């Protein structure tokens, strides 16, 4: 898995993921937007990203399979986020590979000291992925909904020191 800056034509690929209503439900994307609205939204985000967002394309075997985010305005601390597009690619370890590449980028390229994340408890795939990345659970967050089911957020963190020591599963 490699990471690269998103390019304008990537908006077309990302917008195509949103044509799958089940993908939208699981990724918590608005399902009632058109392809054109999704493409325009992502084109704008690629051309003019907010200063607190680092978003990189996740490339596997030459294809854009998702993206990763490091979000926040603290100089040494950011929140990890990621999306793997097309449900047919889920369950193949691409999320873990993308997450690990993002952690490496954050610590090695951006010089971050701490990266944190949240996952809804009902979304066990995301919870397990964060655990496999070596992130330690730090507590419970606010309430949320996953697939129409009330749940809550679980919070995770990993430090540059822990990452460097290879604390992944």
N, C-alpha and C. Protein backbone atom coordinates (compact mmCIF):
# COMPACT_ATOMS: atom_id res chain seq x y z
N UNK A 1 0.85 -1.18 0.00
CA UNK A 1 0.00 0.00 0.00
C UNK A 1 0.89 1.23 0.00
N UNK A 2 0.59 2.15 -0.90
CA UNK A 2 1.29 3.43 -0.92
C UNK A 2 0.26 4.54 -0.80
N UNK A 3 0.74 5.69 -0.38
CA UNK A 3 -0.11 6.87 -0.26
C UNK A 3 0.40 7.93 -1.22
N UNK A 4 -0.51 8.70 -1.75
CA UNK A 4 -0.14 9.83 -2.61
C UNK A 4 -1.20 10.91 -2.49
N UNK A 5 -0.83 12.15 -2.83
CA UNK A 5 -1.84 13.21 -2.83
C UNK A 5 -2.96 12.86 -3.80
N UNK A 6 -4.17 13.20 -3.45
CA UNK A 6 -5.29 12.97 -4.36
C UNK A 6 -5.19 13.91 -5.55
N UNK A 7 -5.61 13.41 -6.70
CA UNK A 7 -5.61 14.18 -7.94
C UNK A 7 -7.06 14.43 -8.34
N UNK A 8 -7.27 15.45 -9.13
CA UNK A 8 -8.62 15.86 -9.49
C UNK A 8 -9.45 14.70 -10.06
N UNK A 9 -8.83 13.87 -10.90
CA UNK A 9 -9.57 12.75 -11.50
C UNK A 9 -9.97 11.69 -10.46
N UNK A 10 -9.35 11.69 -9.29
CA UNK A 10 -9.72 10.75 -8.23
C UNK A 10 -11.15 11.01 -7.73
N UNK A 11 -11.63 12.23 -7.89
CA UNK A 11 -12.99 12.55 -7.44
C UNK A 11 -14.02 11.68 -8.15
N UNK A 12 -13.75 11.32 -9.39
CA UNK A 12 -14.65 10.45 -10.15
C UNK A 12 -14.73 9.07 -9.52
N UNK A 13 -13.58 8.53 -9.13
CA UNK A 13 -13.53 7.21 -8.50
C UNK A 13 -14.24 7.24 -7.15
N UNK A 14 -13.95 8.24 -6.36
CA UNK A 14 -14.56 8.35 -5.02
C UNK A 14 -16.07 8.52 -5.14
N UNK A 15 -16.51 9.34 -6.08
CA UNK A 15 -17.95 9.54 -6.27
C UNK A 15 -18.63 8.24 -6.68
N UNK A 16 -17.95 7.40 -7.44
CA UNK A 16 -18.53 6.12 -7.86
C UNK A 16 -18.81 5.22 -6.66
N UNK A 17 -18.00 5.30 -5.62
CA UNK A 17 -18.25 4.48 -4.43
C UNK A 17 -19.61 4.81 -3.84
N UNK A 18 -20.02 6.06 -3.94
CA UNK A 18 -21.27 6.51 -3.33
C UNK A 18 -22.50 6.03 -4.09
N UNK A 19 -22.33 5.41 -5.25
CA UNK A 19 -23.48 4.87 -5.97
C UNK A 19 -23.99 3.59 -5.31
N UNK A 20 -23.21 3.03 -4.39
CA UNK A 20 -23.60 1.84 -3.63
C UNK A 20 -24.24 2.30 -2.32
N UNK A 21 -25.55 2.16 -2.21
CA UNK A 21 -26.25 2.65 -1.03
C UNK A 21 -25.79 1.95 0.25
N UNK A 22 -25.43 0.67 0.16
CA UNK A 22 -24.96 -0.04 1.36
C UNK A 22 -23.60 0.50 1.79
N UNK A 23 -22.74 0.81 0.83
CA UNK A 23 -21.46 1.47 1.15
C UNK A 23 -21.75 2.76 1.91
N UNK A 24 -22.67 3.57 1.39
CA UNK A 24 -22.99 4.84 2.04
C UNK A 24 -23.49 4.62 3.47
N UNK A 25 -24.32 3.63 3.68
CA UNK A 25 -24.82 3.35 5.03
C UNK A 25 -23.67 3.01 5.97
N UNK A 26 -22.80 2.11 5.55
CA UNK A 26 -21.72 1.66 6.44
C UNK A 26 -20.65 2.73 6.63
N UNK A 27 -20.40 3.52 5.59
CA UNK A 27 -19.38 4.58 5.69
C UNK A 27 -19.94 5.87 6.28
N UNK A 28 -21.25 5.89 6.54
CA UNK A 28 -21.95 7.06 7.07
C UNK A 28 -21.85 8.25 6.11
N UNK A 29 -22.01 7.95 4.82
CA UNK A 29 -22.08 8.98 3.80
C UNK A 29 -23.55 9.25 3.49
N UNK A 30 -23.88 10.46 3.11
CA UNK A 30 -25.23 10.80 2.70
C UNK A 30 -25.56 10.02 1.43
N UNK A 31 -26.65 9.28 1.48
CA UNK A 31 -27.00 8.39 0.36
C UNK A 31 -27.87 9.07 -0.69
N UNK A 32 -28.37 10.25 -0.43
CA UNK A 32 -29.31 10.84 -1.38
C UNK A 32 -28.70 11.92 -2.27
N UNK A 33 -27.39 11.98 -2.35
CA UNK A 33 -26.73 12.90 -3.28
C UNK A 33 -26.52 12.20 -4.62
N UNK A 34 -26.47 12.97 -5.68
CA UNK A 34 -26.21 12.40 -6.99
C UNK A 34 -24.71 12.18 -7.18
N UNK A 35 -24.39 11.38 -8.17
CA UNK A 35 -22.99 11.17 -8.54
C UNK A 35 -22.30 12.50 -8.80
N UNK A 36 -22.98 13.38 -9.53
CA UNK A 36 -22.41 14.69 -9.87
C UNK A 36 -22.14 15.51 -8.61
N UNK A 37 -23.06 15.47 -7.65
CA UNK A 37 -22.87 16.21 -6.41
C UNK A 37 -21.68 15.65 -5.62
N UNK A 38 -21.55 14.33 -5.57
CA UNK A 38 -20.39 13.72 -4.90
C UNK A 38 -19.10 14.10 -5.60
N UNK A 39 -19.09 13.99 -6.92
CA UNK A 39 -17.88 14.32 -7.67
C UNK A 39 -17.49 15.77 -7.44
N UNK A 40 -18.44 16.68 -7.50
CA UNK A 40 -18.16 18.11 -7.29
C UNK A 40 -17.62 18.35 -5.87
N UNK A 41 -18.24 17.70 -4.87
CA UNK A 41 -17.79 17.85 -3.49
C UNK A 41 -16.32 17.43 -3.35
N UNK A 42 -15.98 16.26 -3.91
CA UNK A 42 -14.61 15.77 -3.76
C UNK A 42 -13.63 16.55 -4.62
N UNK A 43 -14.05 17.03 -5.78
CA UNK A 43 -13.18 17.90 -6.58
C UNK A 43 -12.83 19.15 -5.79
N UNK A 44 -13.83 19.76 -5.17
CA UNK A 44 -13.59 20.97 -4.36
C UNK A 44 -12.66 20.67 -3.20
N UNK A 45 -12.85 19.51 -2.55
CA UNK A 45 -12.00 19.15 -1.41
C UNK A 45 -10.56 18.90 -1.85
N UNK A 46 -10.39 18.30 -3.03
CA UNK A 46 -9.05 18.04 -3.55
C UNK A 46 -8.37 19.36 -3.94
N UNK A 47 -9.11 20.24 -4.59
CA UNK A 47 -8.54 21.51 -5.04
C UNK A 47 -8.27 22.49 -3.91
N UNK A 48 -9.15 22.50 -2.90
CA UNK A 48 -9.03 23.47 -1.81
C UNK A 48 -9.28 22.78 -0.47
N UNK A 49 -8.36 21.93 -0.04
CA UNK A 49 -8.58 21.24 1.24
C UNK A 49 -8.49 22.23 2.41
N UNK A 50 -9.26 21.99 3.45
CA UNK A 50 -9.12 22.86 4.62
C UNK A 50 -7.72 22.67 5.23
N UNK A 51 -7.18 23.69 5.86
CA UNK A 51 -5.81 23.60 6.37
C UNK A 51 -5.61 22.52 7.44
N UNK A 52 -6.68 22.13 8.11
CA UNK A 52 -6.54 21.13 9.18
C UNK A 52 -6.67 19.69 8.67
N UNK A 53 -6.78 19.50 7.35
CA UNK A 53 -6.98 18.16 6.80
C UNK A 53 -5.84 17.76 5.87
N UNK A 54 -5.22 16.62 6.18
CA UNK A 54 -4.29 15.97 5.26
C UNK A 54 -5.01 14.72 4.78
N UNK A 55 -5.35 14.68 3.50
CA UNK A 55 -6.04 13.53 2.91
C UNK A 55 -5.18 13.00 1.77
N UNK A 56 -4.88 11.71 1.83
CA UNK A 56 -4.04 11.07 0.82
C UNK A 56 -4.76 9.87 0.24
N UNK A 57 -4.53 9.63 -1.03
CA UNK A 57 -5.10 8.46 -1.68
C UNK A 57 -4.35 7.21 -1.28
N UNK A 58 -5.10 6.13 -1.05
CA UNK A 58 -4.51 4.82 -0.73
C UNK A 58 -4.46 4.01 -2.02
N UNK A 59 -3.26 3.67 -2.44
CA UNK A 59 -3.04 3.00 -3.72
C UNK A 59 -2.59 1.57 -3.47
N UNK A 60 -3.31 0.64 -4.10
CA UNK A 60 -2.97 -0.79 -3.98
C UNK A 60 -2.99 -1.38 -5.39
N UNK A 61 -1.88 -1.98 -5.76
CA UNK A 61 -1.73 -2.58 -7.09
C UNK A 61 -2.10 -1.58 -8.19
N UNK A 62 -1.66 -0.33 -8.00
CA UNK A 62 -1.85 0.71 -8.99
C UNK A 62 -3.22 1.37 -9.02
N UNK A 63 -4.13 0.95 -8.15
CA UNK A 63 -5.49 1.50 -8.14
C UNK A 63 -5.77 2.28 -6.86
N UNK A 64 -6.56 3.34 -7.00
CA UNK A 64 -7.04 4.08 -5.84
C UNK A 64 -8.12 3.22 -5.18
N UNK A 65 -7.83 2.71 -3.99
CA UNK A 65 -8.76 1.83 -3.30
C UNK A 65 -9.40 2.49 -2.08
N UNK A 66 -8.93 3.68 -1.74
CA UNK A 66 -9.46 4.38 -0.59
C UNK A 66 -8.68 5.66 -0.34
N UNK A 67 -8.92 6.24 0.81
CA UNK A 67 -8.12 7.39 1.23
C UNK A 67 -7.98 7.37 2.74
N UNK A 68 -6.97 8.08 3.20
CA UNK A 68 -6.70 8.21 4.63
C UNK A 68 -6.66 9.69 4.98
N UNK A 69 -7.01 9.98 6.21
CA UNK A 69 -7.02 11.36 6.70
C UNK A 69 -6.20 11.48 7.97
N UNK A 70 -5.54 12.59 8.11
CA UNK A 70 -5.01 13.04 9.39
C UNK A 70 -5.62 14.43 9.58
N UNK A 71 -6.46 14.54 10.59
CA UNK A 71 -7.27 15.73 10.75
C UNK A 71 -7.00 16.39 12.11
N UNK A 72 -6.92 17.69 12.10
CA UNK A 72 -6.75 18.45 13.33
C UNK A 72 -5.80 19.61 13.12
N UNK A 73 -5.80 20.52 14.07
CA UNK A 73 -4.93 21.70 13.93
C UNK A 73 -3.84 21.76 14.99
N UNK A 74 -3.73 20.70 15.80
CA UNK A 74 -2.64 20.67 16.77
C UNK A 74 -1.36 20.25 16.04
N UNK A 75 -0.25 20.91 16.30
CA UNK A 75 0.97 20.61 15.53
C UNK A 75 1.53 19.20 15.72
N UNK A 76 1.29 18.58 16.87
CA UNK A 76 1.90 17.27 17.14
C UNK A 76 0.88 16.14 17.29
N UNK A 77 -0.41 16.44 17.06
CA UNK A 77 -1.47 15.46 17.33
C UNK A 77 -2.55 15.59 16.27
N UNK A 78 -2.95 14.44 15.69
CA UNK A 78 -3.99 14.43 14.67
C UNK A 78 -4.90 13.22 14.84
N UNK A 79 -6.08 13.32 14.24
CA UNK A 79 -7.03 12.21 14.25
C UNK A 79 -6.92 11.42 12.95
N UNK A 80 -6.84 10.11 13.07
CA UNK A 80 -6.78 9.19 11.93
C UNK A 80 -8.18 8.89 11.42
N UNK A 81 -8.34 8.90 10.13
CA UNK A 81 -9.57 8.47 9.48
C UNK A 81 -9.22 7.75 8.20
N UNK A 82 -10.10 6.91 7.72
CA UNK A 82 -9.84 6.19 6.47
C UNK A 82 -11.12 5.65 5.88
N UNK A 83 -11.11 5.47 4.58
CA UNK A 83 -12.22 4.87 3.85
C UNK A 83 -11.62 3.95 2.80
N UNK A 84 -12.15 2.74 2.72
CA UNK A 84 -11.82 1.84 1.61
C UNK A 84 -13.08 1.78 0.76
N UNK A 85 -12.93 2.14 -0.51
CA UNK A 85 -14.07 2.18 -1.42
C UNK A 85 -14.38 0.81 -1.99
N UNK A 86 -15.53 0.73 -2.57
CA UNK A 86 -16.08 -0.50 -3.14
C UNK A 86 -16.11 -1.61 -2.10
N UNK A 87 -17.29 -1.98 -1.72
CA UNK A 87 -17.46 -3.01 -0.69
C UNK A 87 -16.79 -4.33 -1.06
N UNK A 88 -16.62 -4.60 -2.33
CA UNK A 88 -15.95 -5.83 -2.75
C UNK A 88 -14.50 -5.90 -2.30
N UNK A 89 -13.94 -4.77 -1.92
CA UNK A 89 -12.56 -4.74 -1.42
C UNK A 89 -12.49 -4.87 0.10
N UNK A 90 -13.63 -4.81 0.77
CA UNK A 90 -13.64 -4.91 2.23
C UNK A 90 -13.29 -6.32 2.66
N UNK A 91 -12.70 -6.44 3.84
CA UNK A 91 -12.36 -7.75 4.39
C UNK A 91 -11.10 -8.36 3.81
N UNK A 92 -10.31 -7.58 3.07
CA UNK A 92 -9.08 -8.09 2.45
C UNK A 92 -7.82 -7.51 3.08
N UNK A 93 -7.98 -6.79 4.19
CA UNK A 93 -6.82 -6.22 4.88
C UNK A 93 -6.38 -4.87 4.35
N UNK A 94 -7.11 -4.31 3.39
CA UNK A 94 -6.70 -3.03 2.81
C UNK A 94 -6.84 -1.88 3.81
N UNK A 95 -7.85 -1.93 4.67
CA UNK A 95 -8.01 -0.90 5.69
C UNK A 95 -6.83 -0.88 6.65
N UNK A 96 -6.38 -2.07 7.05
CA UNK A 96 -5.22 -2.15 7.96
C UNK A 96 -3.98 -1.63 7.26
N UNK A 97 -3.78 -2.01 6.00
CA UNK A 97 -2.62 -1.53 5.26
C UNK A 97 -2.66 -0.01 5.09
N UNK A 98 -3.83 0.52 4.75
CA UNK A 98 -3.96 1.97 4.59
C UNK A 98 -3.75 2.68 5.92
N UNK A 99 -4.33 2.14 6.99
CA UNK A 99 -4.15 2.74 8.32
C UNK A 99 -2.69 2.75 8.75
N UNK A 100 -2.01 1.63 8.52
CA UNK A 100 -0.58 1.55 8.88
C UNK A 100 0.25 2.53 8.05
N UNK A 101 -0.06 2.65 6.77
CA UNK A 101 0.67 3.60 5.92
C UNK A 101 0.42 5.03 6.40
N UNK A 102 -0.79 5.31 6.84
CA UNK A 102 -1.11 6.64 7.34
C UNK A 102 -0.39 6.94 8.65
N UNK A 103 -0.35 5.95 9.55
CA UNK A 103 0.39 6.15 10.80
C UNK A 103 1.86 6.41 10.52
N UNK A 104 2.43 5.63 9.61
CA UNK A 104 3.85 5.83 9.25
C UNK A 104 4.05 7.23 8.68
N UNK A 105 3.16 7.66 7.82
CA UNK A 105 3.26 9.00 7.23
C UNK A 105 3.17 10.07 8.32
N UNK A 106 2.20 9.92 9.20
CA UNK A 106 2.02 10.91 10.26
C UNK A 106 3.22 11.03 11.17
N UNK A 107 3.77 9.88 11.56
CA UNK A 107 4.90 9.91 12.48
C UNK A 107 6.21 10.24 11.76
N UNK A 108 6.44 9.62 10.61
CA UNK A 108 7.73 9.78 9.92
C UNK A 108 7.83 11.05 9.08
N UNK A 109 6.74 11.42 8.39
CA UNK A 109 6.79 12.57 7.49
C UNK A 109 6.33 13.87 8.16
N UNK A 110 5.29 13.77 8.98
CA UNK A 110 4.76 14.98 9.62
C UNK A 110 5.35 15.23 11.00
N UNK A 111 6.04 14.24 11.55
CA UNK A 111 6.64 14.41 12.87
C UNK A 111 5.64 14.47 14.01
N UNK A 112 4.48 13.84 13.83
CA UNK A 112 3.48 13.84 14.89
C UNK A 112 3.97 13.02 16.08
N UNK A 113 3.49 13.35 17.24
CA UNK A 113 3.80 12.57 18.45
C UNK A 113 2.67 11.65 18.85
N UNK A 114 1.43 12.04 18.50
CA UNK A 114 0.24 11.27 18.89
C UNK A 114 -0.75 11.26 17.74
N UNK A 115 -1.31 10.10 17.48
CA UNK A 115 -2.42 9.96 16.54
C UNK A 115 -3.53 9.23 17.27
N UNK A 116 -4.74 9.77 17.16
CA UNK A 116 -5.88 9.18 17.85
C UNK A 116 -6.96 8.85 16.83
N UNK A 117 -7.92 8.07 17.26
CA UNK A 117 -9.04 7.69 16.39
C UNK A 117 -10.24 7.32 17.25
N UNK A 118 -11.38 7.31 16.61
CA UNK A 118 -12.61 6.84 17.24
C UNK A 118 -13.26 5.83 16.31
N UNK A 119 -13.95 4.87 16.89
CA UNK A 119 -14.75 3.92 16.13
C UNK A 119 -16.01 3.63 16.92
N UNK A 120 -17.10 3.49 16.20
CA UNK A 120 -18.34 3.12 16.86
C UNK A 120 -18.26 1.68 17.35
N UNK A 121 -18.69 1.44 18.58
CA UNK A 121 -18.62 0.10 19.15
C UNK A 121 -19.34 -0.92 18.29
N UNK A 122 -20.44 -0.56 17.68
CA UNK A 122 -21.20 -1.49 16.83
C UNK A 122 -20.47 -1.81 15.53
N UNK A 123 -19.49 -1.01 15.16
CA UNK A 123 -18.70 -1.26 13.95
C UNK A 123 -17.44 -2.03 14.36
N UNK A 124 -17.61 -3.30 14.64
CA UNK A 124 -16.52 -4.11 15.16
C UNK A 124 -15.34 -4.24 14.20
N UNK A 125 -15.58 -4.17 12.90
CA UNK A 125 -14.45 -4.22 11.95
C UNK A 125 -13.51 -3.05 12.19
N UNK A 126 -14.06 -1.86 12.37
CA UNK A 126 -13.21 -0.69 12.61
C UNK A 126 -12.53 -0.77 13.97
N UNK A 127 -13.24 -1.22 14.99
CA UNK A 127 -12.64 -1.37 16.32
C UNK A 127 -11.46 -2.32 16.25
N UNK A 128 -11.65 -3.48 15.63
CA UNK A 128 -10.56 -4.46 15.54
C UNK A 128 -9.40 -3.94 14.70
N UNK A 129 -9.70 -3.20 13.66
CA UNK A 129 -8.64 -2.63 12.84
C UNK A 129 -7.76 -1.69 13.66
N UNK A 130 -8.37 -0.82 14.44
CA UNK A 130 -7.59 0.11 15.27
C UNK A 130 -6.75 -0.66 16.30
N UNK A 131 -7.32 -1.71 16.86
CA UNK A 131 -6.56 -2.53 17.79
C UNK A 131 -5.38 -3.21 17.10
N UNK A 132 -5.59 -3.72 15.90
CA UNK A 132 -4.51 -4.38 15.16
C UNK A 132 -3.41 -3.42 14.77
N UNK A 133 -3.74 -2.14 14.64
CA UNK A 133 -2.73 -1.13 14.34
C UNK A 133 -1.89 -0.78 15.57
N UNK A 134 -2.25 -1.35 16.71
CA UNK A 134 -1.50 -1.10 17.93
C UNK A 134 -2.03 0.08 18.73
N UNK A 135 -3.19 0.56 18.39
CA UNK A 135 -3.75 1.69 19.11
C UNK A 135 -4.36 1.19 20.42
N UNK A 136 -4.11 1.93 21.47
CA UNK A 136 -4.62 1.57 22.80
C UNK A 136 -5.95 2.29 23.04
N UNK A 137 -6.90 1.57 23.60
CA UNK A 137 -8.18 2.19 23.90
C UNK A 137 -8.02 3.10 25.11
N UNK A 138 -8.57 4.31 25.00
CA UNK A 138 -8.43 5.29 26.06
C UNK A 138 -9.74 5.63 26.75
N UNK A 139 -10.85 5.16 26.23
CA UNK A 139 -12.11 5.45 26.89
C UNK A 139 -13.28 5.49 25.94
N UNK A 140 -14.36 5.89 26.51
CA UNK A 140 -15.62 5.92 25.79
C UNK A 140 -15.94 7.35 25.37
N UNK A 141 -16.43 7.49 24.16
CA UNK A 141 -16.82 8.81 23.66
C UNK A 141 -18.33 8.96 23.68
N UNK A 142 -18.79 9.85 22.86
CA UNK A 142 -20.22 10.14 22.81
C UNK A 142 -21.03 9.07 22.11
N UNK A 143 -22.31 9.33 22.04
CA UNK A 143 -23.23 8.40 21.41
C UNK A 143 -23.18 8.54 19.89
N UNK A 144 -23.55 7.46 19.22
CA UNK A 144 -23.61 7.47 17.77
C UNK A 144 -24.60 6.43 17.28
N UNK A 145 -24.70 6.30 15.98
CA UNK A 145 -25.59 5.33 15.35
C UNK A 145 -24.80 4.62 14.25
N UNK A 146 -24.91 3.30 14.20
CA UNK A 146 -24.27 2.53 13.14
C UNK A 146 -25.31 1.56 12.59
N UNK A 147 -25.59 1.71 11.30
CA UNK A 147 -26.58 0.87 10.62
C UNK A 147 -27.91 0.88 11.38
N UNK A 148 -28.35 2.07 11.71
CA UNK A 148 -29.63 2.30 12.38
C UNK A 148 -29.67 1.79 13.82
N UNK A 149 -28.53 1.44 14.37
CA UNK A 149 -28.47 0.90 15.73
C UNK A 149 -27.76 1.89 16.65
N UNK A 150 -28.40 2.30 17.75
CA UNK A 150 -27.72 3.19 18.71
C UNK A 150 -26.48 2.50 19.29
N UNK A 151 -25.42 3.26 19.41
CA UNK A 151 -24.16 2.73 19.94
C UNK A 151 -23.37 3.89 20.53
N UNK A 152 -22.10 3.71 20.75
CA UNK A 152 -21.25 4.77 21.28
C UNK A 152 -19.86 4.65 20.65
N UNK A 153 -19.10 5.73 20.75
CA UNK A 153 -17.75 5.75 20.22
C UNK A 153 -16.76 5.20 21.23
N UNK A 154 -15.78 4.47 20.72
CA UNK A 154 -14.63 4.04 21.52
C UNK A 154 -13.43 4.82 21.01
N UNK A 155 -12.63 5.33 21.93
CA UNK A 155 -11.49 6.17 21.59
C UNK A 155 -10.18 5.39 21.71
N UNK A 156 -9.27 5.67 20.78
CA UNK A 156 -7.99 4.97 20.70
C UNK A 156 -6.87 5.99 20.46
N UNK A 157 -5.65 5.59 20.84
CA UNK A 157 -4.49 6.46 20.64
C UNK A 157 -3.25 5.60 20.44
N UNK A 158 -2.30 6.16 19.70
CA UNK A 158 -0.97 5.56 19.58
C UNK A 158 0.04 6.70 19.54
N UNK A 159 1.16 6.49 20.20
CA UNK A 159 2.22 7.50 20.20
C UNK A 159 3.29 7.11 19.19
N UNK A 160 4.10 8.09 18.83
CA UNK A 160 5.21 7.82 17.92
C UNK A 160 6.15 6.77 18.50
N UNK A 161 6.35 6.84 19.81
CA UNK A 161 7.23 5.87 20.48
C UNK A 161 6.67 4.46 20.36
N UNK A 162 5.35 4.29 20.63
CA UNK A 162 4.73 2.98 20.51
C UNK A 162 4.78 2.47 19.07
N UNK A 163 4.54 3.37 18.11
CA UNK A 163 4.58 2.99 16.69
C UNK A 163 5.99 2.52 16.32
N UNK A 164 7.00 3.26 16.75
CA UNK A 164 8.39 2.92 16.42
C UNK A 164 8.80 1.59 17.03
N UNK A 165 8.20 1.24 18.16
CA UNK A 165 8.55 -0.04 18.81
C UNK A 165 7.85 -1.22 18.15
N UNK A 166 7.00 -0.93 17.14
CA UNK A 166 6.35 -2.02 16.41
C UNK A 166 5.19 -2.64 17.11
N UNK A 167 4.50 -1.87 17.94
CA UNK A 167 3.40 -2.40 18.73
C UNK A 167 2.13 -2.54 17.89
N UNK A 168 2.15 -3.44 16.91
CA UNK A 168 0.97 -3.77 16.13
C UNK A 168 0.73 -5.26 16.22
N UNK A 169 -0.46 -5.68 15.88
CA UNK A 169 -0.81 -7.10 15.96
C UNK A 169 -0.90 -7.70 14.58
